[in-house]
Amino acid sequence: MTHIVSAPAAWRRRIAPTEDDEQGKMLRGVVHDPRARRMGGVAVMAGVFSTADDLSKFGQALLNGSPILSPEIVER
């Protein structure tokens, strides 16, 4: 099984830097939690990487009634 710890290198320039790691290096498209990084990204809190464009498409799909979430959850 493969676990994603960071976004592909080709995406990095499009990802906003988010926070410093434990060595003071600014993270960009990398799992924030040092434990999750050491575990190969196997953690619920490891994070999700996306672009604003893709996130807007996902949100629009939910609003259009995508079966990912029930209509009641979307309405809330």
N, C-alpha and C. Protein backbone atom coordinates (compact mmCIF):
# COMPACT_ATOMS: atom_id res chain seq x y z
N MET A 1 0.84 -1.17 0.00
CA MET A 1 0.00 0.00 0.00
C MET A 1 0.89 1.24 0.00
N THR A 2 0.56 2.24 -0.81
CA THR A 2 1.31 3.48 -0.89
C THR A 2 0.57 4.57 -0.12
N HIS A 3 1.31 5.35 0.61
CA HIS A 3 0.72 6.46 1.37
C HIS A 3 1.35 7.76 0.89
N ILE A 4 0.53 8.77 0.73
CA ILE A 4 1.01 10.06 0.23
C ILE A 4 1.39 10.95 1.40
N VAL A 5 2.64 11.38 1.41
CA VAL A 5 3.14 12.26 2.46
C VAL A 5 3.21 13.69 1.94
N SER A 6 3.37 13.85 0.64
CA SER A 6 3.45 15.19 0.07
C SER A 6 2.83 15.18 -1.32
N ALA A 7 2.50 16.38 -1.76
CA ALA A 7 1.94 16.55 -3.09
C ALA A 7 3.05 16.33 -4.12
N PRO A 8 2.70 15.94 -5.34
CA PRO A 8 3.72 15.77 -6.38
C PRO A 8 4.53 17.05 -6.59
N ALA A 9 5.81 16.89 -6.89
CA ALA A 9 6.72 18.03 -7.06
C ALA A 9 6.20 19.02 -8.10
N ALA A 10 5.56 18.52 -9.16
CA ALA A 10 5.06 19.40 -10.22
C ALA A 10 3.98 20.35 -9.71
N TRP A 11 3.31 20.01 -8.61
CA TRP A 11 2.25 20.85 -8.06
C TRP A 11 2.78 21.90 -7.09
N ARG A 12 3.97 21.72 -6.57
CA ARG A 12 4.46 22.54 -5.45
C ARG A 12 4.40 24.05 -5.70
N ARG A 13 4.73 24.49 -6.90
CA ARG A 13 4.74 25.95 -7.15
C ARG A 13 3.33 26.54 -7.07
N ARG A 14 2.30 25.71 -7.20
CA ARG A 14 0.92 26.19 -7.15
C ARG A 14 0.30 26.06 -5.75
N ILE A 15 1.06 25.52 -4.80
CA ILE A 15 0.55 25.29 -3.46
C ILE A 15 1.08 26.37 -2.52
N ALA A 16 0.20 26.98 -1.78
CA ALA A 16 0.61 28.03 -0.83
C ALA A 16 1.39 27.40 0.32
N PRO A 17 2.50 28.05 0.73
CA PRO A 17 3.21 27.58 1.91
C PRO A 17 2.30 27.75 3.13
N THR A 18 2.39 26.81 4.06
CA THR A 18 1.43 26.81 5.15
C THR A 18 2.01 27.03 6.53
N GLU A 19 3.13 26.40 6.85
CA GLU A 19 3.72 26.57 8.19
C GLU A 19 5.14 26.05 8.20
N ASP A 20 5.88 26.40 9.23
CA ASP A 20 7.25 25.91 9.40
C ASP A 20 7.24 24.53 10.01
N ASP A 21 8.18 23.67 9.57
CA ASP A 21 8.31 22.36 10.21
C ASP A 21 9.21 22.50 11.44
N GLU A 22 9.54 21.38 12.07
CA GLU A 22 10.33 21.42 13.30
C GLU A 22 11.76 21.93 13.09
N GLN A 23 12.26 21.98 11.85
CA GLN A 23 13.57 22.56 11.55
C GLN A 23 13.47 24.00 11.05
N GLY A 24 12.28 24.57 11.06
CA GLY A 24 12.09 25.94 10.61
C GLY A 24 11.93 26.07 9.10
N LYS A 25 11.80 24.95 8.38
CA LYS A 25 11.61 24.98 6.93
C LYS A 25 10.12 25.15 6.63
N MET A 26 9.79 26.08 5.73
CA MET A 26 8.40 26.32 5.36
C MET A 26 7.86 25.14 4.56
N LEU A 27 6.74 24.61 5.00
CA LEU A 27 6.11 23.48 4.32
C LEU A 27 5.21 23.96 3.19
N ARG A 28 5.28 23.26 2.10
CA ARG A 28 4.46 23.58 0.92
C ARG A 28 4.01 22.25 0.31
N GLY A 29 2.76 21.88 0.55
CA GLY A 29 2.25 20.63 0.00
C GLY A 29 2.80 19.40 0.69
N VAL A 30 3.18 19.55 1.96
CA VAL A 30 3.74 18.45 2.73
C VAL A 30 2.90 18.26 3.99
N VAL A 31 2.73 17.02 4.40
CA VAL A 31 1.99 16.74 5.62
C VAL A 31 2.59 17.53 6.78
N HIS A 32 1.77 18.22 7.55
CA HIS A 32 2.23 19.07 8.64
C HIS A 32 2.67 18.29 9.86
N ASP A 33 1.92 17.29 10.23
CA ASP A 33 2.17 16.57 11.46
C ASP A 33 3.44 15.74 11.34
N PRO A 34 4.46 16.00 12.17
CA PRO A 34 5.71 15.26 12.06
C PRO A 34 5.53 13.76 12.30
N ARG A 35 4.61 13.39 13.17
CA ARG A 35 4.35 11.96 13.40
C ARG A 35 3.79 11.32 12.14
N ALA A 36 2.86 12.01 11.48
CA ALA A 36 2.28 11.47 10.24
C ALA A 36 3.36 11.36 9.17
N ARG A 37 4.27 12.34 9.07
CA ARG A 37 5.36 12.25 8.09
C ARG A 37 6.24 11.04 8.37
N ARG A 38 6.59 10.83 9.65
CA ARG A 38 7.43 9.68 10.01
C ARG A 38 6.72 8.36 9.75
N MET A 39 5.40 8.37 9.79
CA MET A 39 4.62 7.15 9.56
C MET A 39 4.25 7.00 8.08
N GLY A 40 4.83 7.80 7.22
CA GLY A 40 4.53 7.70 5.79
C GLY A 40 3.20 8.30 5.40
N GLY A 41 2.66 9.20 6.24
CA GLY A 41 1.40 9.86 5.94
C GLY A 41 0.19 9.08 6.41
N VAL A 42 0.41 8.02 7.19
CA VAL A 42 -0.70 7.18 7.67
C VAL A 42 -1.26 7.79 8.94
N ALA A 43 -2.20 8.71 8.79
CA ALA A 43 -2.83 9.36 9.93
C ALA A 43 -4.06 10.10 9.42
N VAL A 44 -5.09 10.09 10.22
CA VAL A 44 -6.32 10.78 9.83
C VAL A 44 -6.07 12.25 9.62
N MET A 45 -5.19 12.86 10.43
CA MET A 45 -4.95 14.29 10.38
C MET A 45 -3.84 14.67 9.40
N ALA A 46 -3.45 13.76 8.50
CA ALA A 46 -2.32 14.02 7.61
C ALA A 46 -2.58 15.13 6.60
N GLY A 47 -3.80 15.38 6.22
CA GLY A 47 -4.09 16.49 5.33
C GLY A 47 -4.50 16.06 3.94
N VAL A 48 -5.05 16.99 3.21
CA VAL A 48 -5.48 16.78 1.84
C VAL A 48 -4.87 17.89 1.02
N PHE A 49 -4.35 17.56 -0.15
CA PHE A 49 -3.72 18.55 -1.00
C PHE A 49 -4.55 18.72 -2.26
N SER A 50 -4.82 19.97 -2.61
CA SER A 50 -5.63 20.25 -3.78
C SER A 50 -5.34 21.67 -4.24
N THR A 51 -5.84 22.00 -5.41
CA THR A 51 -5.77 23.38 -5.88
C THR A 51 -7.12 24.04 -5.61
N ALA A 52 -7.16 25.35 -5.61
CA ALA A 52 -8.42 26.07 -5.41
C ALA A 52 -9.41 25.71 -6.53
N ASP A 53 -8.90 25.56 -7.74
CA ASP A 53 -9.76 25.21 -8.87
C ASP A 53 -10.41 23.84 -8.66
N ASP A 54 -9.61 22.85 -8.26
CA ASP A 54 -10.17 21.52 -8.02
C ASP A 54 -11.12 21.52 -6.84
N LEU A 55 -10.79 22.27 -5.80
CA LEU A 55 -11.66 22.34 -4.63
C LEU A 55 -13.00 22.97 -5.01
N SER A 56 -12.98 23.99 -5.88
CA SER A 56 -14.24 24.61 -6.30
C SER A 56 -15.08 23.63 -7.12
N LYS A 57 -14.43 22.80 -7.93
CA LYS A 57 -15.16 21.78 -8.71
C LYS A 57 -15.80 20.76 -7.77
N PHE A 58 -15.06 20.35 -6.74
CA PHE A 58 -15.58 19.40 -5.77
C PHE A 58 -16.79 20.00 -5.04
N GLY A 59 -16.64 21.25 -4.61
CA GLY A 59 -17.74 21.94 -3.93
C GLY A 59 -18.96 22.07 -4.81
N GLN A 60 -18.75 22.40 -6.08
CA GLN A 60 -19.88 22.54 -7.01
C GLN A 60 -20.55 21.18 -7.22
N ALA A 61 -19.77 20.11 -7.29
CA ALA A 61 -20.35 18.77 -7.44
C ALA A 61 -21.24 18.45 -6.25
N LEU A 62 -20.80 18.82 -5.06
CA LEU A 62 -21.62 18.59 -3.86
C LEU A 62 -22.91 19.40 -3.93
N LEU A 63 -22.81 20.65 -4.35
CA LEU A 63 -24.01 21.50 -4.45
C LEU A 63 -24.96 21.01 -5.54
N ASN A 64 -24.40 20.36 -6.57
CA ASN A 64 -25.23 19.85 -7.66
C ASN A 64 -25.87 18.50 -7.33
N GLY A 65 -25.66 18.01 -6.11
CA GLY A 65 -26.31 16.77 -5.70
C GLY A 65 -25.47 15.53 -5.90
N SER A 66 -24.16 15.67 -5.88
CA SER A 66 -23.29 14.51 -5.99
C SER A 66 -23.63 13.50 -4.89
N PRO A 67 -23.55 12.21 -5.20
CA PRO A 67 -23.89 11.20 -4.20
C PRO A 67 -22.83 11.03 -3.10
N ILE A 68 -21.78 11.83 -3.12
CA ILE A 68 -20.74 11.72 -2.09
C ILE A 68 -21.33 12.01 -0.71
N LEU A 69 -22.15 13.04 -0.64
CA LEU A 69 -22.82 13.40 0.61
C LEU A 69 -24.32 13.44 0.39
N SER A 70 -25.06 13.15 1.43
CA SER A 70 -26.52 13.17 1.31
C SER A 70 -26.99 14.61 1.10
N PRO A 71 -28.16 14.80 0.48
CA PRO A 71 -28.71 16.15 0.30
C PRO A 71 -28.88 16.89 1.63
N GLU A 72 -29.20 16.16 2.69
CA GLU A 72 -29.38 16.79 4.01
C GLU A 72 -28.07 17.40 4.51
N ILE A 73 -26.97 16.68 4.32
CA ILE A 73 -25.67 17.19 4.76
C ILE A 73 -25.28 18.40 3.93
N VAL A 74 -25.50 18.33 2.62
CA VAL A 74 -25.18 19.47 1.74
C VAL A 74 -25.98 20.68 2.16
N GLU A 75 -27.26 20.48 2.46
CA GLU A 75 -28.12 21.59 2.87
C GLU A 75 -27.62 22.25 4.15
N ARG A 76 -27.15 21.43 5.10
CA ARG A 76 -26.62 21.99 6.36
C ARG A 76 -25.41 22.84 6.09
